[in-house]
Amino acid sequence: MLWEGRSDLPATEFIDTVRLIDTPHGPARLHCAAAGSSRGTLVLGHGAGGSVEAPDLVAVTVAAVGAGWAVVRVEQPYRVAGRRAPAPATALDEAWLAVLAEIRPSASQPLVLGGRSSGARVACRTAAAAGAAGVVCLAFPLHPPGKPEKSRLAELEAVTVPVLVVQGDRDPFGRPPPAVDRTVRLVPGADHTLRVDPAGLGAIVTGWLTELIGTG
């Protein structure tokens, strides 16, 4: 079973477990949380060289579980191996898709992908192949700081399902524009870490997830 174990997150009455899954690039580590029966599954990836304990990922996990979703936070194999330098994009995508293939049979539907920064990019690039119902992007890195000409907007525009982007209004990585099926919510005073308002961040994501189910 996917959902077994005990909670170590600051919320009540939900289950949290850690497990390893083999991928073509080494084992990935999954942190799975749920509160009984679930309305769907949200799978979240970390930023480049980052951790699944990033404040925004934890805030969204707590809020989503409280709203009745199962949440899986995925540590990429390079981080499990103790490296901070990110793997190439193709390796990140392949490992992510291997994880999704493994958990899908026991995961509640709909399946929503997401992550912060680099993890949001992975979710966008793999949404179609994974059959995702939606994508949640926390601090999407539209371009490197100070280099708006190196835009990654094409990765967002390639997604054909509804997308939520939550961005700090002081994020040096830019601000993606809204579009049809792409909602952009700004967090006042927040930078790329989205640390300013954890409760507000969680409310933004869970509200959007509720709308997604209602319109799906």
N, C-alpha and C. Protein backbone atom coordinates (compact mmCIF):
# COMPACT_ATOMS: atom_id res chain seq x y z
N MET A 1 0.84 -1.20 0.00
CA MET A 1 0.00 0.00 0.00
C MET A 1 0.88 1.25 0.00
N LEU A 2 0.38 2.32 -0.66
CA LEU A 2 1.13 3.57 -0.70
C LEU A 2 1.05 4.32 0.61
N TRP A 3 -0.12 4.30 1.26
CA TRP A 3 -0.33 5.15 2.42
C TRP A 3 -0.26 4.33 3.71
N GLU A 4 0.91 4.27 4.32
CA GLU A 4 1.10 3.60 5.59
C GLU A 4 2.12 4.39 6.40
N GLY A 5 2.09 4.25 7.72
CA GLY A 5 3.10 4.88 8.55
C GLY A 5 2.49 5.85 9.54
N ARG A 6 3.28 6.85 9.97
CA ARG A 6 2.76 7.83 10.91
C ARG A 6 3.25 9.22 10.53
N SER A 7 2.55 10.22 11.01
CA SER A 7 2.80 11.59 10.59
C SER A 7 3.99 12.20 11.32
N ASP A 8 4.77 13.04 10.59
CA ASP A 8 5.77 13.88 11.24
C ASP A 8 5.59 15.33 10.80
N LEU A 9 4.44 15.67 10.23
CA LEU A 9 4.15 17.03 9.81
C LEU A 9 3.17 17.68 10.80
N PRO A 10 3.19 19.02 10.88
CA PRO A 10 2.36 19.70 11.88
C PRO A 10 0.90 19.81 11.48
N ALA A 11 0.23 18.69 11.35
CA ALA A 11 -1.20 18.65 11.10
C ALA A 11 -1.75 17.44 11.83
N THR A 12 -3.06 17.31 11.91
CA THR A 12 -3.64 16.25 12.72
C THR A 12 -4.32 15.21 11.85
N GLU A 13 -4.36 13.98 12.35
CA GLU A 13 -5.13 12.89 11.79
C GLU A 13 -4.81 12.60 10.32
N PHE A 14 -3.54 12.56 9.98
CA PHE A 14 -3.18 12.06 8.67
C PHE A 14 -1.95 11.19 8.79
N ILE A 15 -1.72 10.40 7.76
CA ILE A 15 -0.66 9.40 7.75
C ILE A 15 0.49 9.90 6.90
N ASP A 16 1.72 9.68 7.36
CA ASP A 16 2.89 10.09 6.60
C ASP A 16 3.90 8.95 6.61
N THR A 17 4.40 8.58 5.44
CA THR A 17 5.37 7.50 5.37
C THR A 17 6.44 7.84 4.36
N VAL A 18 7.60 7.25 4.53
CA VAL A 18 8.72 7.46 3.62
C VAL A 18 9.09 6.13 2.99
N ARG A 19 9.29 6.14 1.67
CA ARG A 19 9.68 4.92 0.98
C ARG A 19 10.59 5.27 -0.18
N LEU A 20 11.36 4.27 -0.64
CA LEU A 20 12.24 4.43 -1.79
C LEU A 20 11.63 3.72 -3.00
N ILE A 21 11.83 4.32 -4.17
CA ILE A 21 11.39 3.73 -5.43
C ILE A 21 12.56 3.77 -6.40
N ASP A 22 12.83 2.66 -7.04
CA ASP A 22 13.90 2.60 -8.03
C ASP A 22 13.51 3.37 -9.28
N THR A 23 14.46 4.09 -9.84
CA THR A 23 14.28 4.79 -11.11
C THR A 23 15.49 4.49 -11.98
N PRO A 24 15.46 4.86 -13.26
CA PRO A 24 16.63 4.62 -14.12
C PRO A 24 17.88 5.36 -13.67
N HIS A 25 17.74 6.31 -12.73
CA HIS A 25 18.87 7.11 -12.29
C HIS A 25 19.16 6.95 -10.80
N GLY A 26 18.71 5.83 -10.24
CA GLY A 26 18.91 5.57 -8.83
C GLY A 26 17.62 5.73 -8.07
N PRO A 27 17.63 5.39 -6.77
CA PRO A 27 16.39 5.46 -5.99
C PRO A 27 15.94 6.89 -5.72
N ALA A 28 14.64 7.11 -5.81
CA ALA A 28 14.00 8.34 -5.37
C ALA A 28 13.35 8.07 -4.03
N ARG A 29 13.28 9.11 -3.19
CA ARG A 29 12.66 8.96 -1.87
C ARG A 29 11.33 9.70 -1.86
N LEU A 30 10.28 8.99 -1.44
CA LEU A 30 8.93 9.54 -1.41
C LEU A 30 8.48 9.78 0.01
N HIS A 31 7.90 10.96 0.26
CA HIS A 31 7.28 11.29 1.52
C HIS A 31 5.78 11.39 1.24
N CYS A 32 5.03 10.42 1.72
CA CYS A 32 3.61 10.29 1.36
C CYS A 32 2.73 10.62 2.57
N ALA A 33 1.80 11.52 2.37
CA ALA A 33 0.91 11.94 3.46
C ALA A 33 -0.53 11.91 2.99
N ALA A 34 -1.42 11.47 3.86
CA ALA A 34 -2.85 11.43 3.53
C ALA A 34 -3.65 11.37 4.82
N ALA A 35 -4.91 11.75 4.72
CA ALA A 35 -5.82 11.70 5.87
C ALA A 35 -7.03 10.85 5.48
N GLY A 36 -6.91 9.55 5.67
CA GLY A 36 -8.02 8.67 5.31
C GLY A 36 -8.25 8.64 3.81
N SER A 37 -9.51 8.56 3.39
CA SER A 37 -9.82 8.57 1.96
C SER A 37 -9.50 9.94 1.39
N SER A 38 -9.07 9.98 0.13
CA SER A 38 -8.57 11.22 -0.46
C SER A 38 -9.39 11.67 -1.65
N ARG A 39 -9.41 12.99 -1.87
CA ARG A 39 -10.13 13.58 -3.00
C ARG A 39 -9.30 13.53 -4.27
N GLY A 40 -8.02 13.25 -4.15
CA GLY A 40 -7.10 13.20 -5.27
C GLY A 40 -5.69 13.13 -4.75
N THR A 41 -4.71 13.10 -5.64
CA THR A 41 -3.30 12.99 -5.25
C THR A 41 -2.51 14.14 -5.85
N LEU A 42 -1.75 14.83 -5.02
CA LEU A 42 -0.87 15.91 -5.43
C LEU A 42 0.56 15.45 -5.24
N VAL A 43 1.34 15.44 -6.33
CA VAL A 43 2.74 15.01 -6.28
C VAL A 43 3.62 16.23 -6.48
N LEU A 44 4.54 16.46 -5.53
CA LEU A 44 5.35 17.68 -5.50
C LEU A 44 6.84 17.37 -5.58
N GLY A 45 7.56 18.13 -6.39
CA GLY A 45 9.01 18.01 -6.49
C GLY A 45 9.71 19.22 -5.91
N HIS A 46 10.95 19.03 -5.47
CA HIS A 46 11.73 20.10 -4.84
C HIS A 46 12.49 20.94 -5.88
N GLY A 47 13.09 22.01 -5.40
CA GLY A 47 13.88 22.87 -6.26
C GLY A 47 15.27 22.31 -6.50
N ALA A 48 16.02 22.98 -7.35
CA ALA A 48 17.37 22.54 -7.70
C ALA A 48 18.27 22.54 -6.46
N GLY A 49 18.79 21.37 -6.11
CA GLY A 49 19.64 21.25 -4.94
C GLY A 49 18.90 21.43 -3.63
N GLY A 50 17.57 21.50 -3.70
CA GLY A 50 16.79 21.78 -2.51
C GLY A 50 16.26 20.54 -1.82
N SER A 51 15.26 20.76 -0.98
CA SER A 51 14.74 19.70 -0.13
C SER A 51 13.22 19.70 -0.18
N VAL A 52 12.63 18.53 0.09
CA VAL A 52 11.18 18.46 0.21
C VAL A 52 10.69 19.09 1.51
N GLU A 53 11.63 19.51 2.37
CA GLU A 53 11.27 20.23 3.59
C GLU A 53 11.27 21.74 3.38
N ALA A 54 11.36 22.20 2.15
CA ALA A 54 11.26 23.63 1.87
C ALA A 54 9.95 24.15 2.45
N PRO A 55 9.96 25.35 3.03
CA PRO A 55 8.76 25.85 3.71
C PRO A 55 7.51 25.86 2.85
N ASP A 56 7.63 26.22 1.57
CA ASP A 56 6.43 26.26 0.74
C ASP A 56 5.88 24.87 0.46
N LEU A 57 6.77 23.89 0.25
CA LEU A 57 6.30 22.52 0.02
C LEU A 57 5.62 21.96 1.26
N VAL A 58 6.18 22.24 2.44
CA VAL A 58 5.56 21.76 3.67
C VAL A 58 4.21 22.44 3.89
N ALA A 59 4.15 23.76 3.65
CA ALA A 59 2.89 24.48 3.84
C ALA A 59 1.80 23.94 2.93
N VAL A 60 2.14 23.67 1.68
CA VAL A 60 1.15 23.14 0.75
C VAL A 60 0.75 21.72 1.14
N THR A 61 1.71 20.93 1.58
CA THR A 61 1.39 19.57 2.02
C THR A 61 0.39 19.58 3.17
N VAL A 62 0.67 20.37 4.18
CA VAL A 62 -0.21 20.43 5.35
C VAL A 62 -1.61 20.89 4.95
N ALA A 63 -1.68 21.94 4.11
CA ALA A 63 -2.98 22.46 3.71
C ALA A 63 -3.74 21.47 2.85
N ALA A 64 -3.05 20.85 1.90
CA ALA A 64 -3.72 19.92 0.98
C ALA A 64 -4.22 18.68 1.72
N VAL A 65 -3.41 18.14 2.63
CA VAL A 65 -3.86 16.99 3.41
C VAL A 65 -5.06 17.39 4.26
N GLY A 66 -5.02 18.58 4.84
CA GLY A 66 -6.15 19.06 5.62
C GLY A 66 -7.42 19.22 4.80
N ALA A 67 -7.24 19.45 3.48
CA ALA A 67 -8.38 19.60 2.58
C ALA A 67 -8.81 18.28 1.96
N GLY A 68 -8.17 17.18 2.39
CA GLY A 68 -8.60 15.87 1.94
C GLY A 68 -7.83 15.28 0.78
N TRP A 69 -6.65 15.84 0.47
CA TRP A 69 -5.83 15.31 -0.62
C TRP A 69 -4.71 14.45 -0.07
N ALA A 70 -4.31 13.46 -0.84
CA ALA A 70 -3.07 12.74 -0.58
C ALA A 70 -1.94 13.52 -1.24
N VAL A 71 -0.81 13.63 -0.56
CA VAL A 71 0.32 14.40 -1.08
C VAL A 71 1.58 13.54 -1.04
N VAL A 72 2.30 13.53 -2.16
CA VAL A 72 3.57 12.82 -2.25
C VAL A 72 4.65 13.84 -2.59
N ARG A 73 5.62 14.01 -1.70
CA ARG A 73 6.78 14.86 -1.99
C ARG A 73 7.92 13.95 -2.43
N VAL A 74 8.50 14.25 -3.57
CA VAL A 74 9.48 13.36 -4.20
C VAL A 74 10.88 13.96 -4.15
N GLU A 75 11.82 13.23 -3.56
CA GLU A 75 13.23 13.60 -3.61
C GLU A 75 13.87 12.93 -4.82
N GLN A 76 14.44 13.72 -5.69
CA GLN A 76 15.08 13.19 -6.88
C GLN A 76 16.31 12.34 -6.50
N PRO A 77 16.68 11.37 -7.34
CA PRO A 77 17.81 10.48 -7.01
C PRO A 77 19.11 11.19 -6.68
N TYR A 78 19.40 12.30 -7.34
CA TYR A 78 20.68 12.98 -7.06
C TYR A 78 20.72 13.52 -5.64
N ARG A 79 19.55 13.91 -5.10
CA ARG A 79 19.52 14.39 -3.73
C ARG A 79 19.58 13.21 -2.75
N VAL A 80 18.92 12.11 -3.10
CA VAL A 80 19.01 10.91 -2.25
C VAL A 80 20.46 10.44 -2.15
N ALA A 81 21.21 10.61 -3.24
CA ALA A 81 22.62 10.22 -3.25
C ALA A 81 23.53 11.22 -2.56
N GLY A 82 22.96 12.33 -2.08
CA GLY A 82 23.74 13.31 -1.33
C GLY A 82 24.36 14.41 -2.17
N ARG A 83 23.99 14.50 -3.44
CA ARG A 83 24.54 15.54 -4.31
C ARG A 83 23.61 16.75 -4.33
N ARG A 84 24.18 17.94 -4.45
CA ARG A 84 23.39 19.16 -4.54
C ARG A 84 23.28 19.65 -5.98
N ALA A 85 24.28 19.35 -6.80
CA ALA A 85 24.21 19.79 -8.20
C ALA A 85 23.12 19.01 -8.91
N PRO A 86 22.17 19.70 -9.54
CA PRO A 86 21.04 19.00 -10.18
C PRO A 86 21.47 18.11 -11.33
N ALA A 87 20.73 17.05 -11.53
CA ALA A 87 20.92 16.18 -12.69
C ALA A 87 20.40 16.91 -13.93
N PRO A 88 20.79 16.45 -15.13
CA PRO A 88 20.24 17.04 -16.36
C PRO A 88 18.72 16.91 -16.40
N ALA A 89 18.10 17.80 -17.16
CA ALA A 89 16.63 17.81 -17.24
C ALA A 89 16.06 16.47 -17.67
N THR A 90 16.71 15.82 -18.63
CA THR A 90 16.19 14.53 -19.10
C THR A 90 16.20 13.50 -17.98
N ALA A 91 17.25 13.50 -17.16
CA ALA A 91 17.32 12.55 -16.04
C ALA A 91 16.27 12.87 -14.98
N LEU A 92 16.06 14.16 -14.70
CA LEU A 92 15.02 14.54 -13.74
C LEU A 92 13.65 14.07 -14.21
N ASP A 93 13.36 14.29 -15.48
CA ASP A 93 12.06 13.90 -16.03
C ASP A 93 11.88 12.39 -16.02
N GLU A 94 12.92 11.65 -16.39
CA GLU A 94 12.81 10.19 -16.43
C GLU A 94 12.60 9.62 -15.04
N ALA A 95 13.32 10.13 -14.05
CA ALA A 95 13.15 9.64 -12.67
C ALA A 95 11.75 9.97 -12.16
N TRP A 96 11.28 11.17 -12.44
CA TRP A 96 9.94 11.60 -12.01
C TRP A 96 8.86 10.72 -12.61
N LEU A 97 8.97 10.44 -13.91
CA LEU A 97 7.97 9.61 -14.58
C LEU A 97 8.00 8.17 -14.06
N ALA A 98 9.19 7.68 -13.69
CA ALA A 98 9.29 6.34 -13.11
C ALA A 98 8.57 6.28 -11.77
N VAL A 99 8.70 7.33 -10.98
CA VAL A 99 7.98 7.40 -9.70
C VAL A 99 6.47 7.40 -9.93
N LEU A 100 6.03 8.22 -10.86
CA LEU A 100 4.59 8.31 -11.13
C LEU A 100 4.03 6.98 -11.61
N ALA A 101 4.78 6.29 -12.45
CA ALA A 101 4.31 4.98 -12.94
C ALA A 101 4.16 3.99 -11.80
N GLU A 102 5.02 4.10 -10.80
CA GLU A 102 4.98 3.17 -9.67
C GLU A 102 3.82 3.47 -8.73
N ILE A 103 3.55 4.73 -8.48
CA ILE A 103 2.53 5.06 -7.48
C ILE A 103 1.13 5.17 -8.05
N ARG A 104 1.00 5.35 -9.36
CA ARG A 104 -0.32 5.59 -9.94
C ARG A 104 -1.35 4.52 -9.58
N PRO A 105 -1.01 3.20 -9.62
CA PRO A 105 -2.06 2.20 -9.34
C PRO A 105 -2.72 2.34 -7.98
N SER A 106 -2.01 2.87 -6.99
CA SER A 106 -2.59 2.98 -5.64
C SER A 106 -2.91 4.42 -5.26
N ALA A 107 -2.76 5.35 -6.20
CA ALA A 107 -3.00 6.75 -5.91
C ALA A 107 -4.44 7.14 -6.22
N SER A 108 -5.03 7.95 -5.34
CA SER A 108 -6.36 8.48 -5.59
C SER A 108 -6.32 9.44 -6.77
N GLN A 109 -7.38 9.42 -7.57
CA GLN A 109 -7.49 10.31 -8.72
C GLN A 109 -8.43 11.47 -8.39
N PRO A 110 -8.24 12.65 -9.00
CA PRO A 110 -7.31 12.96 -10.07
C PRO A 110 -5.87 13.11 -9.58
N LEU A 111 -4.95 13.00 -10.51
CA LEU A 111 -3.52 13.17 -10.24
C LEU A 111 -3.10 14.57 -10.67
N VAL A 112 -2.58 15.34 -9.72
CA VAL A 112 -2.09 16.69 -10.00
C VAL A 112 -0.59 16.72 -9.70
N LEU A 113 0.17 17.25 -10.64
CA LEU A 113 1.62 17.35 -10.46
C LEU A 113 2.00 18.76 -10.05
N GLY A 114 3.15 18.90 -9.41
CA GLY A 114 3.59 20.23 -9.02
C GLY A 114 4.98 20.20 -8.42
N GLY A 115 5.38 21.34 -7.91
CA GLY A 115 6.69 21.46 -7.29
C GLY A 115 7.09 22.92 -7.19
N ARG A 116 8.25 23.14 -6.58
CA ARG A 116 8.78 24.50 -6.49
C ARG A 116 9.98 24.64 -7.41
N SER A 117 10.05 25.77 -8.09
CA SER A 117 11.20 26.14 -8.92
C SER A 117 11.51 25.05 -9.95
N SER A 118 12.68 24.42 -9.86
CA SER A 118 13.02 23.35 -10.81
C SER A 118 11.99 22.23 -10.81
N GLY A 119 11.44 21.92 -9.64
CA GLY A 119 10.42 20.88 -9.56
C GLY A 119 9.16 21.24 -10.32
N ALA A 120 8.84 22.54 -10.37
CA ALA A 120 7.69 23.00 -11.16
C ALA A 120 7.96 22.81 -12.64
N ARG A 121 9.19 23.04 -13.06
CA ARG A 121 9.54 22.84 -14.47
C ARG A 121 9.41 21.37 -14.85
N VAL A 122 9.86 20.48 -13.98
CA VAL A 122 9.72 19.04 -14.25
C VAL A 122 8.25 18.67 -14.38
N ALA A 123 7.42 19.20 -13.49
CA ALA A 123 5.99 18.89 -13.53
C ALA A 123 5.37 19.35 -14.85
N CYS A 124 5.76 20.53 -15.31
CA CYS A 124 5.24 21.04 -16.58
C CYS A 124 5.67 20.16 -17.76
N ARG A 125 6.94 19.81 -17.78
CA ARG A 125 7.47 19.04 -18.92
C ARG A 125 6.87 17.64 -19.01
N THR A 126 6.43 17.10 -17.88
CA THR A 126 5.97 15.71 -17.85
C THR A 126 4.46 15.58 -17.70
N ALA A 127 3.74 16.68 -17.64
CA ALA A 127 2.30 16.63 -17.37
C ALA A 127 1.56 15.79 -18.38
N ALA A 128 1.85 15.96 -19.66
CA ALA A 128 1.14 15.22 -20.69
C ALA A 128 1.45 13.73 -20.61
N ALA A 129 2.73 13.38 -20.48
CA ALA A 129 3.12 11.97 -20.42
C ALA A 129 2.53 11.27 -19.21
N ALA A 130 2.37 12.02 -18.11
CA ALA A 130 1.86 11.42 -16.87
C ALA A 130 0.33 11.40 -16.81
N GLY A 131 -0.32 12.06 -17.75
CA GLY A 131 -1.78 12.12 -17.70
C GLY A 131 -2.29 12.95 -16.55
N ALA A 132 -1.58 14.04 -16.21
CA ALA A 132 -1.97 14.88 -15.09
C ALA A 132 -3.25 15.64 -15.39
N ALA A 133 -4.04 15.87 -14.34
CA ALA A 133 -5.26 16.66 -14.47
C ALA A 133 -5.00 18.14 -14.28
N GLY A 134 -3.84 18.47 -13.71
CA GLY A 134 -3.49 19.86 -13.47
C GLY A 134 -2.05 19.94 -12.98
N VAL A 135 -1.52 21.18 -12.92
CA VAL A 135 -0.14 21.40 -12.48
C VAL A 135 -0.11 22.59 -11.53
N VAL A 136 0.60 22.43 -10.42
CA VAL A 136 0.79 23.50 -9.43
C VAL A 136 2.26 23.91 -9.45
N CYS A 137 2.52 25.17 -9.80
CA CYS A 137 3.89 25.68 -9.87
C CYS A 137 4.13 26.69 -8.76
N LEU A 138 5.01 26.37 -7.85
CA LEU A 138 5.41 27.28 -6.78
C LEU A 138 6.73 27.93 -7.18
N ALA A 139 6.75 29.25 -7.29
CA ALA A 139 7.98 29.98 -7.63
C ALA A 139 8.58 29.47 -8.94
N PHE A 140 7.77 29.46 -10.00
CA PHE A 140 8.28 29.01 -11.30
C PHE A 140 9.41 29.94 -11.74
N PRO A 141 10.59 29.38 -12.06
CA PRO A 141 11.73 30.22 -12.45
C PRO A 141 11.64 30.63 -13.93
N LEU A 142 10.91 31.70 -14.19
CA LEU A 142 10.65 32.11 -15.57
C LEU A 142 11.94 32.36 -16.34
N HIS A 143 12.92 32.94 -15.65
CA HIS A 143 14.23 33.18 -16.27
C HIS A 143 15.27 33.30 -15.16
N PRO A 144 16.56 33.09 -15.48
CA PRO A 144 17.58 33.32 -14.46
C PRO A 144 17.55 34.79 -14.02
N PRO A 145 17.90 35.07 -12.76
CA PRO A 145 17.87 36.47 -12.29
C PRO A 145 18.69 37.40 -13.19
N GLY A 146 18.05 38.48 -13.60
CA GLY A 146 18.73 39.46 -14.43
C GLY A 146 18.88 39.09 -15.89
N LYS A 147 18.28 37.96 -16.31
CA LYS A 147 18.42 37.52 -17.70
C LYS A 147 17.04 37.18 -18.29
N PRO A 148 16.18 38.18 -18.44
CA PRO A 148 14.83 37.90 -18.95
C PRO A 148 14.81 37.36 -20.37
N GLU A 149 15.90 37.55 -21.10
CA GLU A 149 15.95 37.03 -22.47
C GLU A 149 16.04 35.51 -22.51
N LYS A 150 16.41 34.88 -21.39
CA LYS A 150 16.51 33.42 -21.32
C LYS A 150 15.23 32.85 -20.70
N SER A 151 14.11 33.09 -21.37
CA SER A 151 12.81 32.74 -20.83
C SER A 151 12.53 31.24 -20.93
N ARG A 152 11.84 30.74 -19.90
CA ARG A 152 11.38 29.34 -19.89
C ARG A 152 9.86 29.27 -20.03
N LEU A 153 9.27 30.34 -20.53
CA LEU A 153 7.83 30.39 -20.67
C LEU A 153 7.29 29.26 -21.53
N ALA A 154 8.06 28.80 -22.49
CA ALA A 154 7.60 27.72 -23.38
C ALA A 154 7.22 26.47 -22.59
N GLU A 155 7.90 26.22 -21.47
CA GLU A 155 7.55 25.04 -20.67
C GLU A 155 6.16 25.18 -20.06
N LEU A 156 5.80 26.36 -19.64
CA LEU A 156 4.45 26.60 -19.13
C LEU A 156 3.42 26.55 -20.26
N GLU A 157 3.75 27.15 -21.38
CA GLU A 157 2.80 27.21 -22.49
C GLU A 157 2.53 25.85 -23.11
N ALA A 158 3.44 24.89 -22.90
CA ALA A 158 3.26 23.55 -23.46
C ALA A 158 2.26 22.72 -22.67
N VAL A 159 1.91 23.14 -21.47
CA VAL A 159 0.98 22.38 -20.63
C VAL A 159 -0.44 22.60 -21.15
N THR A 160 -1.17 21.51 -21.32
CA THR A 160 -2.52 21.58 -21.91
C THR A 160 -3.63 21.38 -20.88
N VAL A 161 -3.27 21.25 -19.61
CA VAL A 161 -4.26 21.14 -18.53
C VAL A 161 -4.17 22.39 -17.67
N PRO A 162 -5.13 22.64 -16.79
CA PRO A 162 -5.08 23.84 -15.95
C PRO A 162 -3.81 23.92 -15.10
N VAL A 163 -3.28 25.13 -14.98
CA VAL A 163 -2.04 25.39 -14.25
C VAL A 163 -2.28 26.50 -13.24
N LEU A 164 -1.76 26.30 -12.03
CA LEU A 164 -1.70 27.35 -11.02
C LEU A 164 -0.24 27.73 -10.81
N VAL A 165 0.06 29.02 -10.93
CA VAL A 165 1.39 29.54 -10.61
C VAL A 165 1.26 30.45 -9.40
N VAL A 166 2.02 30.16 -8.35
CA VAL A 166 2.06 31.03 -7.17
C VAL A 166 3.46 31.63 -7.10
N GLN A 167 3.54 32.94 -7.20
CA GLN A 167 4.82 33.63 -7.35
C GLN A 167 4.93 34.78 -6.37
N GLY A 168 6.10 34.95 -5.77
CA GLY A 168 6.34 36.12 -4.94
C GLY A 168 6.47 37.35 -5.82
N ASP A 169 5.92 38.48 -5.37
CA ASP A 169 6.02 39.68 -6.20
C ASP A 169 7.42 40.29 -6.17
N ARG A 170 8.33 39.71 -5.36
CA ARG A 170 9.73 40.14 -5.35
C ARG A 170 10.66 39.04 -5.86
N ASP A 171 10.12 38.09 -6.57
CA ASP A 171 10.93 36.96 -7.06
C ASP A 171 11.86 37.43 -8.19
N PRO A 172 13.19 37.31 -8.00
CA PRO A 172 14.11 37.74 -9.05
C PRO A 172 14.10 36.83 -10.29
N PHE A 173 13.42 35.68 -10.18
CA PHE A 173 13.33 34.76 -11.31
C PHE A 173 12.15 35.11 -12.24
N GLY A 174 11.53 36.24 -12.00
CA GLY A 174 10.51 36.71 -12.92
C GLY A 174 9.10 36.35 -12.51
N ARG A 175 8.14 36.81 -13.33
CA ARG A 175 6.72 36.64 -13.05
C ARG A 175 6.02 36.12 -14.31
N PRO A 176 5.62 34.86 -14.33
CA PRO A 176 4.92 34.34 -15.51
C PRO A 176 3.60 35.07 -15.72
N PRO A 177 3.20 35.28 -16.97
CA PRO A 177 1.93 35.94 -17.24
C PRO A 177 0.77 34.96 -17.13
N PRO A 178 -0.41 35.44 -16.76
CA PRO A 178 -1.59 34.57 -16.79
C PRO A 178 -1.99 34.29 -18.24
N ALA A 179 -2.77 33.25 -18.42
CA ALA A 179 -3.25 32.87 -19.76
C ALA A 179 -4.48 32.00 -19.58
N VAL A 180 -5.08 31.62 -20.68
CA VAL A 180 -6.21 30.69 -20.63
C VAL A 180 -5.74 29.40 -19.95
N ASP A 181 -6.46 28.97 -18.93
CA ASP A 181 -6.12 27.78 -18.15
C ASP A 181 -4.82 27.92 -17.37
N ARG A 182 -4.31 29.16 -17.22
CA ARG A 182 -3.14 29.38 -16.36
C ARG A 182 -3.43 30.54 -15.41
N THR A 183 -3.63 30.19 -14.14
CA THR A 183 -3.91 31.17 -13.09
C THR A 183 -2.60 31.56 -12.42
N VAL A 184 -2.35 32.85 -12.29
CA VAL A 184 -1.15 33.33 -11.61
C VAL A 184 -1.57 34.12 -10.38
N ARG A 185 -1.11 33.68 -9.21
CA ARG A 185 -1.41 34.36 -7.95
C ARG A 185 -0.10 34.89 -7.36
N LEU A 186 -0.08 36.18 -7.02
CA LEU A 186 1.11 36.80 -6.45
C LEU A 186 1.01 36.87 -4.93
N VAL A 187 2.13 36.61 -4.28
CA VAL A 187 2.22 36.71 -2.82
C VAL A 187 2.96 37.99 -2.48
N PRO A 188 2.29 38.98 -1.92
CA PRO A 188 2.95 40.26 -1.63
C PRO A 188 4.12 40.09 -0.67
N GLY A 189 5.23 40.72 -1.01
CA GLY A 189 6.40 40.72 -0.15
C GLY A 189 7.25 39.47 -0.20
N ALA A 190 6.85 38.49 -1.00
CA ALA A 190 7.58 37.21 -1.03
C ALA A 190 8.62 37.21 -2.14
N ASP A 191 9.74 36.54 -1.87
CA ASP A 191 10.76 36.33 -2.89
C ASP A 191 10.64 34.90 -3.42
N HIS A 192 11.72 34.34 -3.93
CA HIS A 192 11.66 33.02 -4.55
C HIS A 192 11.36 31.91 -3.55
N THR A 193 11.57 32.17 -2.26
CA THR A 193 11.34 31.12 -1.26
C THR A 193 9.87 30.98 -0.87
N LEU A 194 9.06 32.00 -1.13
CA LEU A 194 7.64 31.99 -0.73
C LEU A 194 7.46 31.71 0.77
N ARG A 195 8.32 32.27 1.59
CA ARG A 195 8.26 32.03 3.03
C ARG A 195 7.29 32.95 3.77
N VAL A 196 6.83 34.00 3.13
CA VAL A 196 6.14 35.09 3.84
C VAL A 196 4.86 34.66 4.54
N ASP A 197 4.02 33.90 3.85
CA ASP A 197 2.67 33.60 4.37
C ASP A 197 2.33 32.14 4.11
N PRO A 198 2.84 31.20 4.92
CA PRO A 198 2.57 29.78 4.66
C PRO A 198 1.09 29.44 4.64
N ALA A 199 0.32 29.98 5.57
CA ALA A 199 -1.11 29.67 5.62
C ALA A 199 -1.82 30.20 4.37
N GLY A 200 -1.46 31.41 3.96
CA GLY A 200 -2.05 31.98 2.76
C GLY A 200 -1.70 31.20 1.52
N LEU A 201 -0.45 30.74 1.45
CA LEU A 201 -0.02 29.92 0.32
C LEU A 201 -0.83 28.63 0.26
N GLY A 202 -0.98 27.98 1.40
CA GLY A 202 -1.77 26.75 1.44
C GLY A 202 -3.20 26.97 1.01
N ALA A 203 -3.78 28.11 1.42
CA ALA A 203 -5.16 28.41 1.06
C ALA A 203 -5.30 28.65 -0.45
N ILE A 204 -4.31 29.31 -1.05
CA ILE A 204 -4.35 29.54 -2.50
C ILE A 204 -4.38 28.20 -3.24
N VAL A 205 -3.49 27.29 -2.85
CA VAL A 205 -3.39 26.01 -3.56
C VAL A 205 -4.63 25.16 -3.33
N THR A 206 -5.09 25.06 -2.09
CA THR A 206 -6.26 24.21 -1.85
C THR A 206 -7.52 24.78 -2.49
N GLY A 207 -7.63 26.09 -2.53
CA GLY A 207 -8.77 26.69 -3.21
C GLY A 207 -8.77 26.35 -4.70
N TRP A 208 -7.60 26.41 -5.31
CA TRP A 208 -7.49 26.08 -6.73
C TRP A 208 -7.77 24.60 -6.97
N LEU A 209 -7.28 23.73 -6.08
CA LEU A 209 -7.55 22.30 -6.22
C LEU A 209 -9.04 22.02 -6.14
N THR A 210 -9.74 22.70 -5.25
CA THR A 210 -11.19 22.52 -5.13
C THR A 210 -11.88 22.95 -6.41
N GLU A 211 -11.45 24.06 -6.98
CA GLU A 211 -12.02 24.51 -8.26
C GLU A 211 -11.72 23.51 -9.37
N LEU A 212 -10.53 22.95 -9.35
CA LEU A 212 -10.15 21.98 -10.39
C LEU A 212 -11.07 20.77 -10.37
N ILE A 213 -11.35 20.25 -9.19
CA ILE A 213 -12.26 19.12 -9.08
C ILE A 213 -13.65 19.50 -9.56
N GLY A 214 -14.06 20.71 -9.21
CA GLY A 214 -15.39 21.15 -9.57
C GLY A 214 -15.60 21.34 -11.07
N THR A 215 -14.48 21.64 -11.77
CA THR A 215 -14.58 21.88 -13.21
C THR A 215 -14.09 20.71 -14.02
N GLY A 216 -13.58 19.65 -13.33
CA GLY A 216 -13.00 18.53 -14.05
C GLY A 216 -14.05 17.60 -14.62
